[in-house]
Amino acid sequence: MKVKNNMEDVIEHLLPQVLKSYPEVCKCERCVSDIKALALNILPPKYVATPLGEVYSRVNELSTQFEANAVKAIIVAIEKVLKHPRH
């Protein structure tokens, strides 16, 4: 198994739901990529290198606080991109 940052999957999963609350944000590929990158830079990485590590990381994702932190990072990233889009 390759080394993987599971936070990328978390952001990928939550971003579409959060974006629905921001109809004014541009959803072009560049803006969405910027939002993902900014959110990932806010959150601590969760690297895994084994299937057992991935299971442990997934169990941690079930916590309410974990999801709240991820959503907060996405919102901060959306607000930055809204103020300063790069397209």
N, C-alpha and C. Protein backbone atom coordinates (compact mmCIF):
# COMPACT_ATOMS: atom_id res chain seq x y z
N MET A 1 0.84 -1.18 0.00
CA MET A 1 0.00 0.00 0.00
C MET A 1 0.89 1.25 0.00
N LYS A 2 0.53 2.22 -0.78
CA LYS A 2 1.25 3.49 -0.82
C LYS A 2 0.92 4.30 0.43
N VAL A 3 1.79 5.22 0.77
CA VAL A 3 1.51 6.18 1.84
C VAL A 3 0.45 7.14 1.31
N LYS A 4 -0.55 7.40 2.14
CA LYS A 4 -1.69 8.18 1.69
C LYS A 4 -2.15 9.10 2.80
N ASN A 5 -2.55 10.32 2.45
CA ASN A 5 -3.13 11.26 3.41
C ASN A 5 -4.65 11.08 3.36
N ASN A 6 -5.21 10.47 4.38
CA ASN A 6 -6.65 10.21 4.39
C ASN A 6 -7.48 11.49 4.47
N MET A 7 -6.87 12.60 4.86
CA MET A 7 -7.62 13.85 4.91
C MET A 7 -8.07 14.27 3.51
N GLU A 8 -7.35 13.86 2.49
CA GLU A 8 -7.77 14.17 1.13
C GLU A 8 -9.14 13.55 0.84
N ASP A 9 -9.33 12.31 1.28
CA ASP A 9 -10.62 11.64 1.08
C ASP A 9 -11.72 12.32 1.88
N VAL A 10 -11.39 12.75 3.09
CA VAL A 10 -12.38 13.42 3.94
C VAL A 10 -12.84 14.72 3.28
N ILE A 11 -11.89 15.52 2.83
CA ILE A 11 -12.24 16.79 2.17
C ILE A 11 -13.03 16.53 0.89
N GLU A 12 -12.60 15.56 0.12
CA GLU A 12 -13.29 15.20 -1.12
C GLU A 12 -14.74 14.80 -0.84
N HIS A 13 -14.97 14.11 0.26
CA HIS A 13 -16.31 13.65 0.62
C HIS A 13 -17.20 14.79 1.13
N LEU A 14 -16.64 15.67 1.96
CA LEU A 14 -17.44 16.72 2.60
C LEU A 14 -17.63 17.96 1.72
N LEU A 15 -16.70 18.24 0.84
CA LEU A 15 -16.74 19.48 0.07
C LEU A 15 -18.04 19.68 -0.71
N PRO A 16 -18.55 18.71 -1.44
CA PRO A 16 -19.79 18.95 -2.19
C PRO A 16 -20.97 19.36 -1.30
N GLN A 17 -21.05 18.78 -0.12
CA GLN A 17 -22.13 19.12 0.81
C GLN A 17 -22.00 20.57 1.29
N VAL A 18 -20.79 20.97 1.63
CA VAL A 18 -20.56 22.33 2.13
C VAL A 18 -20.75 23.34 1.01
N LEU A 19 -20.31 23.02 -0.19
CA LEU A 19 -20.47 23.94 -1.32
C LEU A 19 -21.92 24.27 -1.62
N LYS A 20 -22.83 23.37 -1.31
CA LYS A 20 -24.25 23.63 -1.54
C LYS A 20 -24.74 24.83 -0.74
N SER A 21 -24.08 25.12 0.37
CA SER A 21 -24.45 26.26 1.21
C SER A 21 -23.86 27.57 0.70
N TYR A 22 -23.03 27.50 -0.33
CA TYR A 22 -22.38 28.68 -0.89
C TYR A 22 -22.62 28.76 -2.39
N PRO A 23 -23.85 29.11 -2.79
CA PRO A 23 -24.14 29.16 -4.23
C PRO A 23 -23.34 30.25 -4.96
N GLU A 24 -22.85 31.24 -4.22
CA GLU A 24 -22.12 32.34 -4.84
C GLU A 24 -20.66 32.01 -5.16
N VAL A 25 -20.15 30.92 -4.61
CA VAL A 25 -18.75 30.57 -4.87
C VAL A 25 -18.62 29.92 -6.24
N CYS A 26 -17.56 30.28 -6.92
CA CYS A 26 -17.28 29.69 -8.24
C CYS A 26 -16.93 28.22 -8.05
N LYS A 27 -17.44 27.39 -8.91
CA LYS A 27 -17.20 25.95 -8.81
C LYS A 27 -16.38 25.43 -10.00
N CYS A 28 -15.60 26.34 -10.59
CA CYS A 28 -14.72 25.90 -11.66
C CYS A 28 -13.63 25.02 -11.05
N GLU A 29 -12.94 24.27 -11.90
CA GLU A 29 -11.94 23.32 -11.43
C GLU A 29 -10.84 23.99 -10.60
N ARG A 30 -10.41 25.15 -11.05
CA ARG A 30 -9.33 25.85 -10.33
C ARG A 30 -9.77 26.29 -8.94
N CYS A 31 -10.97 26.87 -8.82
CA CYS A 31 -11.45 27.34 -7.52
C CYS A 31 -11.67 26.17 -6.57
N VAL A 32 -12.24 25.09 -7.06
CA VAL A 32 -12.46 23.91 -6.22
C VAL A 32 -11.12 23.32 -5.77
N SER A 33 -10.16 23.28 -6.66
CA SER A 33 -8.83 22.79 -6.28
C SER A 33 -8.18 23.69 -5.24
N ASP A 34 -8.34 25.00 -5.39
CA ASP A 34 -7.81 25.93 -4.39
C ASP A 34 -8.46 25.72 -3.03
N ILE A 35 -9.76 25.50 -3.03
CA ILE A 35 -10.48 25.26 -1.77
C ILE A 35 -9.95 24.00 -1.10
N LYS A 36 -9.80 22.94 -1.88
CA LYS A 36 -9.28 21.69 -1.33
C LYS A 36 -7.89 21.88 -0.75
N ALA A 37 -7.01 22.53 -1.50
CA ALA A 37 -5.63 22.73 -1.05
C ALA A 37 -5.59 23.58 0.22
N LEU A 38 -6.36 24.65 0.26
CA LEU A 38 -6.37 25.50 1.44
C LEU A 38 -6.90 24.74 2.66
N ALA A 39 -7.97 23.99 2.48
CA ALA A 39 -8.53 23.22 3.59
C ALA A 39 -7.53 22.18 4.09
N LEU A 40 -6.87 21.51 3.18
CA LEU A 40 -5.88 20.50 3.58
C LEU A 40 -4.70 21.12 4.30
N ASN A 41 -4.34 22.34 3.94
CA ASN A 41 -3.24 23.02 4.62
C ASN A 41 -3.62 23.46 6.03
N ILE A 42 -4.89 23.64 6.29
CA ILE A 42 -5.36 24.01 7.62
C ILE A 42 -5.37 22.79 8.54
N LEU A 43 -5.77 21.66 8.00
CA LEU A 43 -5.95 20.44 8.81
C LEU A 43 -4.65 19.66 8.97
N PRO A 44 -4.50 18.98 10.11
CA PRO A 44 -3.33 18.11 10.25
C PRO A 44 -3.47 16.90 9.32
N PRO A 45 -2.38 16.50 8.68
CA PRO A 45 -2.47 15.34 7.80
C PRO A 45 -2.68 14.06 8.60
N LYS A 46 -3.32 13.10 7.99
CA LYS A 46 -3.55 11.78 8.59
C LYS A 46 -3.00 10.74 7.61
N TYR A 47 -1.68 10.55 7.66
CA TYR A 47 -1.03 9.62 6.74
C TYR A 47 -1.19 8.19 7.23
N VAL A 48 -1.43 7.30 6.28
CA VAL A 48 -1.50 5.87 6.57
C VAL A 48 -0.63 5.13 5.56
N ALA A 49 -0.10 4.00 6.00
CA ALA A 49 0.76 3.21 5.12
C ALA A 49 0.35 1.74 5.08
N THR A 50 -0.64 1.38 5.90
CA THR A 50 -1.09 0.00 5.94
C THR A 50 -2.61 -0.04 5.95
N PRO A 51 -3.19 -1.14 5.55
CA PRO A 51 -4.65 -1.26 5.63
C PRO A 51 -5.17 -1.08 7.06
N LEU A 52 -4.44 -1.57 8.06
CA LEU A 52 -4.86 -1.41 9.45
C LEU A 52 -4.85 0.07 9.83
N GLY A 53 -3.85 0.79 9.38
CA GLY A 53 -3.78 2.22 9.65
C GLY A 53 -4.95 2.95 9.01
N GLU A 54 -5.34 2.51 7.83
CA GLU A 54 -6.48 3.14 7.15
C GLU A 54 -7.77 2.88 7.93
N VAL A 55 -7.93 1.68 8.44
CA VAL A 55 -9.12 1.35 9.24
C VAL A 55 -9.15 2.23 10.49
N TYR A 56 -8.02 2.35 11.17
CA TYR A 56 -7.95 3.18 12.38
C TYR A 56 -8.30 4.63 12.05
N SER A 57 -7.77 5.13 10.95
CA SER A 57 -8.05 6.50 10.55
C SER A 57 -9.53 6.69 10.23
N ARG A 58 -10.13 5.72 9.56
CA ARG A 58 -11.56 5.80 9.22
C ARG A 58 -12.44 5.80 10.47
N VAL A 59 -12.06 5.02 11.48
CA VAL A 59 -12.82 5.00 12.74
C VAL A 59 -12.77 6.38 13.39
N ASN A 60 -11.60 7.01 13.36
CA ASN A 60 -11.45 8.35 13.93
C ASN A 60 -12.34 9.36 13.22
N GLU A 61 -12.56 9.17 11.92
CA GLU A 61 -13.39 10.08 11.14
C GLU A 61 -14.85 10.07 11.59
N LEU A 62 -15.24 9.08 12.32
CA LEU A 62 -16.63 8.99 12.78
C LEU A 62 -16.93 9.98 13.90
N SER A 63 -15.92 10.56 14.51
CA SER A 63 -16.15 11.47 15.62
C SER A 63 -16.76 12.78 15.11
N THR A 64 -17.67 13.32 15.88
CA THR A 64 -18.34 14.57 15.52
C THR A 64 -17.35 15.72 15.45
N GLN A 65 -16.41 15.77 16.39
CA GLN A 65 -15.42 16.84 16.41
C GLN A 65 -14.53 16.79 15.18
N PHE A 66 -14.17 15.59 14.76
CA PHE A 66 -13.34 15.43 13.57
C PHE A 66 -14.03 16.04 12.35
N GLU A 67 -15.30 15.70 12.18
CA GLU A 67 -16.05 16.22 11.03
C GLU A 67 -16.23 17.73 11.15
N ALA A 68 -16.50 18.22 12.35
CA ALA A 68 -16.67 19.66 12.56
C ALA A 68 -15.39 20.41 12.19
N ASN A 69 -14.24 19.88 12.56
CA ASN A 69 -12.97 20.51 12.21
C ASN A 69 -12.76 20.54 10.69
N ALA A 70 -13.11 19.47 10.03
CA ALA A 70 -12.96 19.40 8.58
C ALA A 70 -13.89 20.39 7.89
N VAL A 71 -15.13 20.47 8.33
CA VAL A 71 -16.09 21.40 7.74
C VAL A 71 -15.64 22.84 7.98
N LYS A 72 -15.14 23.13 9.18
CA LYS A 72 -14.66 24.47 9.48
C LYS A 72 -13.51 24.85 8.55
N ALA A 73 -12.58 23.94 8.32
CA ALA A 73 -11.46 24.20 7.42
C ALA A 73 -11.95 24.47 6.00
N ILE A 74 -12.96 23.73 5.56
CA ILE A 74 -13.52 23.93 4.22
C ILE A 74 -14.16 25.31 4.13
N ILE A 75 -14.90 25.71 5.16
CA ILE A 75 -15.56 27.02 5.16
C ILE A 75 -14.53 28.15 5.11
N VAL A 76 -13.48 28.04 5.90
CA VAL A 76 -12.41 29.05 5.87
C VAL A 76 -11.82 29.13 4.47
N ALA A 77 -11.58 27.99 3.86
CA ALA A 77 -11.01 27.94 2.51
C ALA A 77 -11.98 28.56 1.49
N ILE A 78 -13.24 28.25 1.59
CA ILE A 78 -14.25 28.82 0.67
C ILE A 78 -14.26 30.33 0.79
N GLU A 79 -14.24 30.83 2.01
CA GLU A 79 -14.28 32.29 2.20
C GLU A 79 -13.05 32.96 1.61
N LYS A 80 -11.88 32.33 1.70
CA LYS A 80 -10.67 32.91 1.09
C LYS A 80 -10.78 32.93 -0.42
N VAL A 81 -11.28 31.85 -1.00
CA VAL A 81 -11.41 31.79 -2.46
C VAL A 81 -12.48 32.77 -2.94
N LEU A 82 -13.55 32.94 -2.15
CA LEU A 82 -14.58 33.92 -2.52
C LEU A 82 -13.99 35.32 -2.60
N LYS A 83 -13.12 35.66 -1.66
CA LYS A 83 -12.52 37.01 -1.62
C LYS A 83 -11.45 37.19 -2.68
N HIS A 84 -10.72 36.11 -3.00
CA HIS A 84 -9.58 36.22 -3.91
C HIS A 84 -9.52 35.04 -4.89
N PRO A 85 -10.50 34.96 -5.80
CA PRO A 85 -10.44 33.86 -6.78
C PRO A 85 -9.25 34.08 -7.72
N ARG A 86 -8.64 32.98 -8.17
CA ARG A 86 -7.45 33.09 -9.02
C ARG A 86 -7.76 32.89 -10.50
N HIS A 87 -9.00 32.85 -10.90
CA HIS A 87 -9.30 32.67 -12.33
C HIS A 87 -9.59 34.00 -12.99
